[in-house]
Amino acid sequence: MMKKKKVFVNLAGHALANSDRLEERLQKEHAQGWELVNYSWWGFFTFEECQPAHVVYRFDFTQEVWTPGMVRIYQDAGWTKVLDKGGILLLKRKLAEGELASDALLYEDRHT
């Protein structure tokens, strides 16, 4: 049975305002062998033990509803859907050798 842990992360406001900080936290957890499996709006993140890996996480807030076809576009580009809650899509992708997390963008422009 895989080990699980639940962590409280102080969101200090809406997740959108803190998405970069949350993405970095999720990347660090994954590098230490903890993969995100669920989160709540109250700041509780549930992780499951996994193989440590250099994985980048990205939030996408651009849609109110994510259709399977929209998610498929990301999957075709190498991203994996982690969670889809309330119009917030969380994706992850393993980093290529030598690739920096800061270069792994969903869009060319973070403001798009």
Protein backbone atom coordinates (compact mmCIF):
# COMPACT_ATOMS: atom_id res chain seq x y z
CA MET A 1 0.00 0.00 0.00
CA MET A 2 1.28 3.42 -0.96
CA LYS A 3 1.93 5.90 1.80
CA LYS A 4 -0.07 9.12 1.79
CA LYS A 5 0.41 12.43 3.51
CA LYS A 6 -1.84 15.45 3.87
CA VAL A 7 -0.24 18.89 4.01
CA PHE A 8 -1.80 22.26 4.75
CA VAL A 9 -0.54 25.01 2.47
CA ASN A 10 -1.49 28.56 3.44
CA LEU A 11 -2.92 29.92 0.21
CA ALA A 12 -3.15 33.47 1.61
CA GLY A 13 -5.82 34.43 -0.89
CA HIS A 14 -7.04 32.92 -4.12
CA ALA A 15 -4.97 30.13 -5.68
CA LEU A 16 -4.62 32.17 -8.89
CA ALA A 17 -2.61 34.80 -7.06
CA ASN A 18 -0.27 32.12 -5.68
CA SER A 19 -0.08 29.71 -8.62
CA ASP A 20 3.67 30.14 -9.21
CA ARG A 21 4.43 29.44 -5.55
CA LEU A 22 2.11 26.41 -5.53
CA GLU A 23 3.65 25.02 -8.72
CA GLU A 24 7.13 25.29 -7.18
CA ARG A 25 5.93 23.55 -4.00
CA LEU A 26 4.39 20.68 -6.00
CA GLN A 27 7.59 20.30 -8.04
CA LYS A 28 9.68 20.07 -4.86
CA GLU A 29 7.33 17.50 -3.34
CA HIS A 30 7.50 15.35 -6.50
CA ALA A 31 11.30 15.58 -6.56
CA GLN A 32 11.25 14.23 -2.99
CA GLY A 33 8.96 11.34 -3.93
CA TRP A 34 5.50 12.77 -3.22
CA GLU A 35 2.96 13.12 -6.04
CA LEU A 36 -0.14 15.27 -5.66
CA VAL A 37 -3.38 13.25 -5.83
CA ASN A 38 -5.92 15.74 -4.47
CA TYR A 39 -6.37 19.21 -3.03
CA SER A 40 -9.12 21.20 -1.39
CA TRP A 41 -9.99 24.88 -1.57
CA TRP A 42 -9.13 25.14 2.11
CA GLY A 43 -5.47 24.46 1.43
CA PHE A 44 -5.19 20.74 2.17
CA PHE A 45 -3.04 18.88 -0.35
CA THR A 46 -2.93 15.08 -0.39
CA PHE A 47 0.22 13.43 -1.70
CA GLU A 48 0.99 9.81 -2.45
CA GLU A 49 4.44 8.28 -2.33
CA CYS A 50 6.00 7.90 -5.79
CA GLN A 51 9.35 7.59 -7.53
CA PRO A 52 11.20 10.90 -7.19
CA ALA A 53 11.25 12.71 -10.53
CA HIS A 54 11.80 16.16 -11.97
CA VAL A 55 8.24 17.08 -12.88
CA VAL A 56 6.81 20.49 -13.65
CA TYR A 57 3.28 21.40 -12.58
CA ARG A 58 1.17 24.11 -14.21
CA PHE A 59 -2.25 25.56 -13.40
CA ASP A 60 -4.55 26.75 -16.16
CA PHE A 61 -7.37 29.12 -15.20
CA THR A 62 -8.47 30.12 -18.71
CA GLN A 63 -11.74 28.12 -18.93
CA GLU A 64 -14.78 27.79 -16.69
CA VAL A 65 -15.34 24.22 -17.92
CA TRP A 66 -12.71 21.89 -19.37
CA THR A 67 -14.02 19.56 -22.05
CA PRO A 68 -12.24 16.29 -22.83
CA GLY A 69 -11.19 17.76 -26.19
CA MET A 70 -9.51 20.75 -24.54
CA VAL A 71 -7.65 18.51 -22.12
CA ARG A 72 -6.64 16.26 -25.04
CA ILE A 73 -4.75 19.19 -26.62
CA TYR A 74 -2.51 19.33 -23.55
CA GLN A 75 -2.14 15.55 -23.46
CA ASP A 76 -1.04 15.57 -27.11
CA ALA A 77 1.63 18.10 -26.11
CA GLY A 78 2.96 15.77 -23.39
CA TRP A 79 1.05 17.06 -20.35
CA THR A 80 -0.91 14.85 -17.94
CA LYS A 81 -4.07 16.05 -16.22
CA VAL A 82 -3.68 15.88 -12.45
CA LEU A 83 -6.92 17.52 -11.34
CA ASP A 84 -9.79 19.57 -12.73
CA LYS A 85 -11.71 21.47 -10.05
CA GLY A 86 -13.97 24.46 -10.43
CA GLY A 87 -12.52 25.54 -13.76
CA ILE A 88 -8.94 25.17 -12.56
CA LEU A 89 -6.97 22.60 -14.48
CA LEU A 90 -3.74 21.29 -12.98
CA LEU A 91 -1.30 19.59 -15.35
CA LYS A 92 2.12 18.00 -14.97
CA ARG A 93 4.91 16.94 -17.29
CA LYS A 94 8.25 15.27 -16.71
CA LEU A 95 11.11 17.61 -17.52
CA ALA A 96 13.53 16.62 -20.25
CA GLU A 97 17.20 16.25 -19.34
CA GLY A 98 18.60 19.74 -18.76
CA GLU A 99 15.20 21.44 -19.19
CA LEU A 100 14.37 24.12 -16.64
CA ALA A 101 10.93 24.25 -15.04
CA SER A 102 10.76 27.95 -15.93
CA ASP A 103 10.95 27.02 -19.64
CA ALA A 104 8.06 24.52 -19.47
CA LEU A 105 5.12 26.78 -20.27
CA LEU A 106 1.59 25.94 -21.30
CA TYR A 107 1.58 29.04 -23.49
CA GLU A 108 4.37 31.10 -25.00
CA ASP A 109 3.27 34.03 -22.84
CA ARG A 110 2.27 33.46 -19.16
CA HIS A 111 -0.30 36.26 -19.53
CA THR A 112 -2.10 34.66 -22.47
